[in-house]
Protein backbone atom coordinates (compact mmCIF):
# COMPACT_ATOMS: atom_id res chain seq x y z
CA MET A 1 -4.75 -16.88 -18.14
CA LYS A 2 -3.92 -17.18 -21.75
CA ASN A 3 -4.95 -13.59 -22.78
CA ILE A 4 -3.14 -11.62 -20.16
CA LEU A 5 0.33 -10.42 -20.34
CA ASP A 6 2.20 -11.95 -17.61
CA CYS A 7 4.96 -9.35 -16.50
CA THR A 8 4.41 -8.89 -12.80
CA GLY A 9 7.21 -10.94 -11.69
CA HIS A 10 5.16 -12.80 -9.28
CA GLN A 11 3.51 -16.57 -10.12
CA LEU A 12 -0.27 -16.48 -10.50
CA LYS A 13 -1.53 -18.93 -8.05
CA ILE A 14 -5.25 -18.66 -8.01
CA PRO A 15 -6.73 -17.55 -11.32
CA ASN A 16 -10.32 -18.15 -10.38
CA ILE A 17 -11.35 -15.60 -7.73
CA ILE A 18 -14.90 -14.48 -8.30
CA ARG A 19 -15.94 -12.50 -5.25
CA SER A 20 -14.83 -10.95 -2.04
CA ASP A 21 -15.98 -9.78 1.32
CA GLY A 22 -13.69 -7.85 3.88
CA VAL A 23 -10.50 -9.67 4.51
CA TYR A 24 -11.60 -12.72 2.34
CA LEU A 25 -11.69 -13.97 -1.41
CA PHE A 26 -13.63 -16.67 -2.60
CA ASP A 27 -12.84 -18.68 -5.83
CA SER A 28 -15.25 -20.43 -8.54
CA ASP A 29 -15.21 -23.70 -6.19
CA GLU A 30 -16.18 -21.38 -3.16
CA LYS A 31 -12.99 -21.99 -1.54
CA ARG A 32 -12.25 -19.06 1.10
CA TYR A 33 -8.84 -17.29 1.03
CA MET A 34 -7.79 -14.62 3.90
CA ASP A 35 -6.17 -12.01 1.94
CA LEU A 36 -3.23 -10.80 4.12
CA GLU A 37 -1.55 -8.70 1.46
CA SER A 38 -4.79 -6.27 0.97
CA GLY A 39 -4.25 -7.11 -2.82
CA VAL A 40 -1.15 -5.17 -3.84
CA TRP A 41 -1.43 -3.44 -0.36
CA CYS A 42 -4.45 -1.34 -1.83
CA ALA A 43 -7.41 -2.81 -0.15
CA ALA A 44 -6.46 -1.26 3.02
CA LEU A 45 -10.21 -1.06 4.22
CA GLY A 46 -10.96 -4.77 3.09
CA HIS A 47 -12.31 -5.88 -0.21
CA LYS A 48 -15.96 -4.89 -1.03
CA ASN A 49 -16.19 -2.21 1.64
CA ARG A 50 -19.61 -1.04 1.76
CA ARG A 51 -18.89 2.58 2.50
CA ILE A 52 -16.39 2.73 -0.31
CA ASN A 53 -18.67 0.95 -2.78
CA ASP A 54 -21.66 2.98 -1.88
CA ALA A 55 -19.49 6.44 -2.23
CA ILE A 56 -18.38 5.00 -5.79
CA LYS A 57 -22.16 4.36 -6.85
CA ASP A 58 -23.40 7.82 -5.55
CA GLN A 59 -20.67 9.68 -7.42
CA ILE A 60 -21.00 7.70 -10.62
CA ASP A 61 -24.66 8.98 -10.83
CA ARG A 62 -23.50 12.51 -10.51
CA ILE A 63 -20.22 12.95 -12.61
CA MET A 64 -17.11 10.70 -12.82
CA HIS A 65 -14.70 12.44 -15.14
CA VAL A 66 -13.60 15.95 -16.16
CA GLY A 67 -11.86 17.87 -18.73
CA PHE A 68 -9.17 20.45 -18.43
CA CYS A 69 -11.55 23.53 -18.80
CA TYR A 70 -14.12 22.25 -16.35
CA SER A 71 -14.12 20.78 -12.76
CA SER A 72 -16.14 19.78 -9.85
CA GLU A 73 -16.21 21.07 -6.29
CA ILE A 74 -15.62 17.51 -4.77
CA VAL A 75 -11.95 17.56 -6.02
CA ASP A 76 -11.04 20.90 -4.32
CA SER A 77 -12.94 19.79 -1.12
CA VAL A 78 -11.04 16.51 -0.86
CA ALA A 79 -7.76 18.14 -1.63
CA ASN A 80 -8.40 20.37 1.33
CA SER A 81 -8.89 17.22 3.65
CA LEU A 82 -5.62 16.01 2.57
CA LEU A 83 -3.80 19.27 3.09
CA ASN A 84 -5.19 19.44 6.58
CA LEU A 85 -4.10 15.85 7.17
CA THR A 86 -0.58 16.74 6.29
CA ASN A 87 -0.42 20.02 7.83
CA PHE A 88 0.22 21.57 4.49
CA GLU A 89 -1.93 24.68 4.83
CA SER A 90 -2.23 26.76 1.61
CA GLY A 91 -0.58 23.72 -0.35
CA LYS A 92 -1.68 22.01 -3.38
CA CYS A 93 -2.89 18.54 -4.65
CA VAL A 94 -3.19 16.75 -7.83
CA PHE A 95 -4.98 13.63 -8.13
CA LEU A 96 -3.70 11.11 -10.35
CA SER A 97 -4.01 7.34 -11.15
CA SER A 98 -1.05 5.50 -9.81
CA GLY A 99 1.65 5.64 -7.04
CA SER A 100 4.61 5.62 -9.62
CA GLU A 101 2.68 8.53 -11.30
CA ALA A 102 2.76 10.69 -8.35
CA ILE A 103 6.29 10.17 -7.45
CA GLU A 104 7.08 10.97 -11.12
CA ILE A 105 5.18 14.54 -11.14
CA LEU A 106 6.80 15.23 -7.80
CA ARG A 107 10.33 14.56 -9.35
CA GLN A 108 9.31 16.88 -12.40
CA ILE A 109 8.31 19.32 -10.11
CA SER A 110 11.44 19.45 -8.15
CA ARG A 111 13.68 19.36 -11.06
CA THR A 112 11.67 22.19 -12.71
CA LEU A 113 12.27 24.21 -9.67
CA SER A 114 15.86 23.49 -9.14
CA GLY A 115 16.82 25.03 -12.27
CA LYS A 116 20.11 23.61 -12.38
CA GLU A 117 21.96 20.16 -13.29
CA HIS A 118 20.71 17.83 -10.41
CA LYS A 119 20.64 14.42 -8.96
CA THR A 120 17.98 12.63 -7.04
CA LEU A 121 19.08 10.83 -3.82
CA THR A 122 17.27 8.00 -2.38
CA LEU A 123 18.26 4.92 -0.24
CA HIS A 124 19.81 2.21 -2.09
CA ASP A 125 16.75 -0.02 -1.17
CA ALA A 126 13.87 2.08 -2.09
CA TYR A 127 11.19 1.26 -4.52
CA LEU A 128 10.05 4.57 -6.10
CA GLY A 129 7.71 2.98 -8.80
CA SER A 130 7.67 1.26 -12.39
CA TYR A 131 8.37 4.17 -14.55
CA SER A 132 11.75 4.15 -16.47
CA SER A 133 12.91 7.41 -14.90
CA VAL A 134 13.03 5.73 -11.61
CA ILE A 135 14.19 2.26 -12.46
CA ASP A 136 17.40 3.20 -14.17
CA ARG A 137 19.32 4.91 -11.77
CA GLU A 138 22.71 5.12 -13.35
CA LYS A 139 22.26 8.63 -14.61
CA ASN A 140 21.26 11.74 -12.36
CA TRP A 141 20.90 9.41 -9.20
CA TYR A 142 22.57 9.02 -6.01
CA SER A 143 21.82 5.92 -3.89
CA PHE A 144 22.85 6.02 -0.38
CA ASN A 145 23.69 2.43 0.70
CA TRP A 146 22.54 2.31 4.56
CA GLU A 147 23.35 -1.29 5.06
CA LYS A 148 25.98 -0.48 7.66
CA CYS A 149 23.85 2.24 9.45
CA GLU A 150 21.77 -0.69 11.00
CA THR A 151 24.72 -1.87 12.94
CA CYS A 152 26.50 1.35 13.36
CA PRO A 153 27.21 2.07 17.23
CA SER A 154 26.30 5.88 16.64
CA LYS A 155 23.17 5.06 14.50
CA ASN A 156 21.05 6.74 17.17
CA ALA A 157 23.12 10.07 17.06
CA CYS A 158 24.57 9.74 13.39
CA ASP A 159 27.81 11.43 13.53
CA SER A 160 28.29 14.22 10.95
CA SER A 161 31.76 12.97 10.20
CA CYS A 162 30.59 9.62 8.66
CA LYS A 163 32.24 9.28 5.43
CA ALA A 164 28.89 7.91 3.83
CA LEU A 165 27.22 11.32 4.76
CA LEU A 166 30.32 13.23 3.56
CA SER A 167 29.73 11.50 0.23
CA ILE A 168 26.41 12.97 -0.68
CA PRO A 169 26.77 15.14 -3.55
CA GLU A 170 25.87 18.92 -3.16
CA ASN A 171 23.94 19.11 -6.33
CA ILE A 172 20.91 16.97 -5.05
CA SER A 173 17.58 18.53 -6.28
CA GLU A 174 15.51 15.96 -4.11
CA PHE A 175 15.61 13.39 -1.59
CA VAL A 176 12.93 10.65 -2.27
CA PHE A 177 12.36 8.82 0.89
CA GLU A 178 10.51 5.68 1.33
CA PRO A 179 9.63 5.47 4.98
CA GLY A 180 9.71 1.61 5.47
CA SER A 181 8.77 -0.55 2.62
CA ALA A 182 12.11 -0.57 0.93
CA SER A 183 11.15 -2.50 -1.98
CA GLY A 184 8.85 -4.72 -0.08
CA PHE A 185 11.65 -5.69 2.62
CA VAL A 186 9.81 -3.83 5.30
CA ARG A 187 12.94 -2.37 6.64
CA PHE A 188 13.14 1.04 8.56
CA PRO A 189 16.06 3.15 8.34
CA PRO A 190 17.41 4.84 11.72
CA LYS A 191 15.67 8.13 12.58
CA ALA A 192 18.86 9.99 13.19
CA LEU A 193 20.21 9.00 9.75
CA ILE A 194 17.01 10.34 7.84
CA LYS A 195 16.92 13.59 9.90
CA LYS A 196 20.64 14.13 9.09
CA ILE A 197 20.11 13.29 5.09
CA VAL A 198 17.26 15.54 5.29
CA SER A 199 19.55 18.44 6.73
CA ILE A 200 22.20 17.84 4.34
CA VAL A 201 19.78 18.21 1.37
CA ARG A 202 18.12 21.17 2.79
CA LYS A 203 21.46 22.94 3.51
CA ASN A 204 21.91 22.56 -0.33
CA LYS A 205 18.64 23.82 -1.29
CA GLY A 206 17.13 20.25 -2.26
CA LYS A 207 13.59 19.19 -1.68
CA VAL A 208 12.33 16.22 0.46
CA ILE A 209 9.75 14.00 -1.37
CA ALA A 210 7.84 11.40 1.09
CA ASN A 211 7.01 8.30 -0.87
CA GLU A 212 3.75 7.31 1.18
CA VAL A 213 2.32 4.91 -1.75
CA THR A 214 2.73 1.89 0.58
CA THR A 215 3.45 3.45 4.07
CA GLY A 216 0.72 5.97 4.00
CA ILE A 217 -2.82 6.28 5.03
CA GLY A 218 -2.61 4.13 8.48
CA ARG A 219 -0.39 1.20 7.23
CA THR A 220 2.30 2.13 9.97
CA GLY A 221 -0.16 2.99 12.70
CA LYS A 222 0.21 6.90 11.66
CA TRP A 223 -1.45 8.71 8.89
CA PHE A 224 1.83 8.84 7.29
CA GLY A 225 5.13 7.01 7.51
CA TYR A 226 7.23 9.79 7.64
CA GLN A 227 5.61 10.94 10.87
CA HIS A 228 7.64 8.28 12.77
CA TYR A 229 10.72 10.56 11.74
CA ASP A 230 11.61 13.94 13.11
CA ILE A 231 11.17 15.68 9.39
CA GLU A 232 8.65 17.54 7.62
CA PRO A 233 8.66 16.93 3.88
CA ASP A 234 8.27 19.48 0.91
CA MET A 235 6.02 17.24 -1.10
CA ILE A 236 4.14 13.85 -0.59
CA ALA A 237 3.05 11.00 -2.82
CA VAL A 238 0.04 9.01 -1.61
CA GLY A 239 -1.50 5.93 -3.43
CA LYS A 240 -2.48 2.27 -2.98
CA GLY A 241 -4.56 2.39 0.21
CA VAL A 242 -5.86 5.92 -0.42
CA GLY A 243 -8.26 4.38 -3.02
CA ASN A 244 -9.04 1.05 -1.35
CA GLY A 245 -8.50 -0.83 -4.64
CA TYR A 246 -9.69 2.04 -7.01
CA PRO A 247 -6.81 3.44 -9.06
CA VAL A 248 -6.02 6.68 -7.63
CA SER A 249 -2.96 8.51 -6.37
CA VAL A 250 -2.37 11.87 -4.91
CA ALA A 251 0.85 14.31 -5.35
CA ILE A 252 0.65 17.01 -2.36
CA VAL A 253 3.10 19.89 -2.27
CA ASN A 254 3.47 22.53 0.44
CA LYS A 255 2.76 26.22 0.35
CA GLU A 256 6.09 27.30 -0.81
CA ILE A 257 6.33 24.69 -3.69
CA ALA A 258 2.84 25.70 -4.68
CA SER A 259 4.02 29.39 -4.60
CA GLU A 260 6.98 28.60 -6.63
CA LEU A 261 4.93 26.47 -9.28
CA GLN A 262 2.68 29.41 -9.87
CA GLU A 263 5.80 31.44 -10.91
CA SER A 264 7.19 28.68 -13.24
CA SER A 265 6.27 27.26 -16.42
CA PHE A 266 5.36 23.80 -15.10
CA ASP A 267 2.63 21.77 -17.10
CA TYR A 268 1.32 18.30 -16.72
CA MET A 269 -1.66 16.64 -18.09
CA GLN A 270 -3.02 13.23 -18.30
CA GLY A 271 -6.53 12.04 -19.18
CA HIS A 272 -7.72 11.25 -15.55
CA GLN A 273 -6.33 14.00 -13.76
CA ASN A 274 -8.48 15.42 -11.03
CA ASP A 275 -11.40 13.23 -11.66
CA PRO A 276 -14.34 13.63 -9.29
CA LEU A 277 -14.85 9.88 -8.90
CA ALA A 278 -11.39 9.35 -7.75
CA ALA A 279 -11.97 12.52 -5.31
CA ALA A 280 -15.00 10.82 -4.09
CA VAL A 281 -13.31 7.46 -3.20
CA VAL A 282 -10.38 9.32 -1.40
CA ARG A 283 -12.96 11.30 0.54
CA GLU A 284 -14.71 8.14 1.98
CA VAL A 285 -11.41 6.30 2.57
CA ILE A 286 -10.21 9.10 4.83
CA GLN A 287 -13.53 9.56 6.39
CA THR A 288 -13.90 5.81 7.24
CA ILE A 289 -10.49 5.78 8.77
CA THR A 290 -11.35 8.57 10.87
CA ASP A 291 -14.90 7.31 12.04
CA GLU A 292 -13.69 3.77 12.75
CA ASN A 293 -10.48 5.07 14.45
CA LEU A 294 -8.36 2.85 12.20
CA ILE A 295 -5.03 4.72 12.78
CA GLU A 296 -5.04 3.84 16.35
CA GLY A 297 -6.32 0.49 15.63
CA ALA A 298 -3.46 -0.19 13.40
CA ARG A 299 -0.98 0.81 15.90
CA LYS A 300 -2.58 -1.35 18.64
CA LYS A 301 -3.22 -4.25 16.61
CA GLY A 302 0.42 -4.03 15.18
CA VAL A 303 1.87 -4.42 18.67
CA LYS A 304 -0.28 -7.54 19.45
CA PHE A 305 0.09 -9.19 16.21
CA HIS A 306 3.95 -8.42 16.21
CA ALA A 307 4.18 -10.26 19.74
CA GLN A 308 1.95 -13.24 17.94
CA LEU A 309 4.36 -13.43 15.27
CA GLU A 310 7.54 -13.35 17.48
CA SER A 311 6.18 -16.27 19.27
CA LEU A 312 6.95 -18.27 16.06
CA VAL A 313 10.70 -17.61 15.92
CA ASP A 314 12.55 -20.80 16.65
CA GLY A 315 15.83 -20.04 15.17
CA LYS A 316 15.66 -22.97 12.99
CA VAL A 317 12.81 -22.20 10.48
CA ALA A 318 11.47 -18.88 11.58
CA ILE A 319 14.60 -16.46 12.09
CA GLY A 320 13.07 -13.06 13.12
CA ILE A 321 10.35 -10.56 12.70
CA ARG A 322 10.24 -6.92 11.48
CA GLY A 323 7.01 -4.58 11.43
CA ARG A 324 5.68 -1.30 12.15
CA GLY A 325 1.86 -0.85 12.43
CA LEU A 326 0.27 -3.51 10.07
CA MET A 327 3.31 -4.27 7.88
CA PHE A 328 5.51 -7.22 8.85
CA ALA A 329 8.19 -9.41 7.51
CA ILE A 330 8.87 -12.90 8.72
CA ASP A 331 12.67 -13.87 7.85
CA LEU A 332 12.80 -17.63 7.28
CA ALA A 333 15.89 -19.72 7.09
CA SER A 334 15.90 -20.24 3.27
CA GLU A 335 14.19 -19.56 0.11
CA ARG A 336 13.21 -23.14 -0.22
CA ILE A 337 11.61 -23.07 3.09
CA THR A 338 9.70 -19.65 2.49
CA SER A 339 8.47 -21.32 -0.95
CA LYS A 340 7.15 -24.50 0.87
CA ILE A 341 5.52 -22.35 3.80
CA TYR A 342 4.13 -20.11 1.13
CA ASP A 343 2.47 -22.60 -0.76
CA ASP A 344 1.24 -24.48 2.17
CA LEU A 345 -0.52 -21.26 3.44
CA ILE A 346 -2.27 -20.93 -0.08
CA GLU A 347 -3.26 -24.52 0.13
CA ARG A 348 -4.77 -23.77 3.58
CA GLY A 349 -6.52 -20.67 2.46
CA TYR A 350 -3.90 -17.84 3.44
CA ILE A 351 -2.39 -15.30 1.19
CA VAL A 352 0.95 -13.62 1.89
CA CYS A 353 3.70 -12.41 -0.27
CA ASN A 354 6.70 -14.51 -0.82
CA ARG A 355 9.86 -12.25 -0.88
CA GLY A 356 12.51 -15.07 -1.21
CA SER A 357 13.87 -15.26 2.07
CA PHE A 358 10.98 -14.09 3.83
CA LEU A 359 7.28 -13.69 3.79
CA ARG A 360 5.62 -10.24 4.08
CA ILE A 361 2.13 -9.56 5.57
CA ASP A 362 0.31 -6.31 4.94
CA PRO A 363 -3.19 -7.05 6.12
CA PRO A 364 -6.25 -4.39 5.86
CA LEU A 365 -6.54 -2.17 8.81
CA THR A 366 -10.14 -3.52 9.24
CA ILE A 367 -8.76 -6.94 10.24
CA ILE A 368 -9.71 -8.21 13.63
CA GLU A 369 -7.59 -10.11 16.15
CA GLN A 370 -9.53 -13.41 15.73
CA GLN A 371 -8.82 -13.44 12.15
CA PHE A 372 -5.07 -12.87 12.62
CA SER A 373 -4.98 -15.37 15.45
CA GLU A 374 -6.21 -18.01 12.86
CA PHE A 375 -3.49 -17.17 10.71
CA VAL A 376 -0.78 -17.16 13.19
CA ASP A 377 -2.13 -20.96 14.40
CA ALA A 378 -2.11 -21.85 10.48
CA LEU A 379 1.51 -20.78 10.35
CA SER A 380 2.37 -22.15 13.62
CA CYS A 381 1.27 -25.68 12.45
CA ILE A 382 3.05 -25.43 9.15
CA ILE A 383 6.49 -24.39 10.97
CA ALA A 384 6.12 -27.19 13.44
CA SER A 385 5.55 -29.76 10.63
CA ASN A 386 9.10 -31.18 9.73
CA GLU A 387 7.51 -32.87 6.71
CA SER A 388 6.88 -29.80 5.22
CA PHE A 389 10.54 -29.12 4.61
CA THR A 390 11.63 -32.33 3.28
């Protein structure tokens, strides 16, 4: 595309998509592709979802956008639904436009309330957005490297005398926890480790922010990824799947944070803050997931799909499988093999994500077992084909 700035870091493979339907995309030649990445993990209920599209059309005919001195009841109503999902009774929400922005405002809130020279703690492999404030982690950041924790004999108990834990600074204003995506690597830190880090941060009066931009809204088989851990965050950032492709995110704070903010001088303003159209989309996404029991569906399908992928592991080409709910990674023997399999899958009409030494799969929550089985069969044929790797 000659007029589009190419800055995603990913190679454009199919420039001529013209329509979509559920898990499928169609190009101008009517070739069909199964989208097993849900766009950029956003179309969690599938492309061209009728309920979401109808909600958008209905709200457009009412009011799309508001100013700073007037609003619409739907915004407050949907915020209440999100507070109920998170058990943040008497908390507050703000609707924004991207996951990066939701993380940004929550960090700003935490820094405002800390009132001291601070550092942000996060895991070394966490992805926290595209803003420069989270990309450049040289200043006012502490990255906790948990590589050795995966094989630590005490990982299920997490010894408080661990040097890594003792090295955490006392002046942490917030711990931004991404519960599973890890820069797209689909890695899940040990539960005991996260509980211990949260305890240390809270002891020093720091806050806990759950980055649920990728893992939230059912992706892991629970409403939120942090619910797989024995913790309760103070703030939550939600994005991607909460809009099913519409650009909306939500920053959510608990009652205590909301109360402190009312006594502070914190301000934050942007052009599409608390838009009714965004709220209408979020409302319908939540209602659709609830009505169609997609949280439980993601958990059950995730177990079955994981087993199907495990059957492909041969120790030569496919090395291992990681996953939780409907997010998976297939470790492969080399980057060359990954690239070849990735290209072969696209040629056969299957879209996944090439992450160097592994493939990532994040299908819509609405995918059915037959569709995923078709993909596994295609992948199995490619792996079994020796000529694919010559």
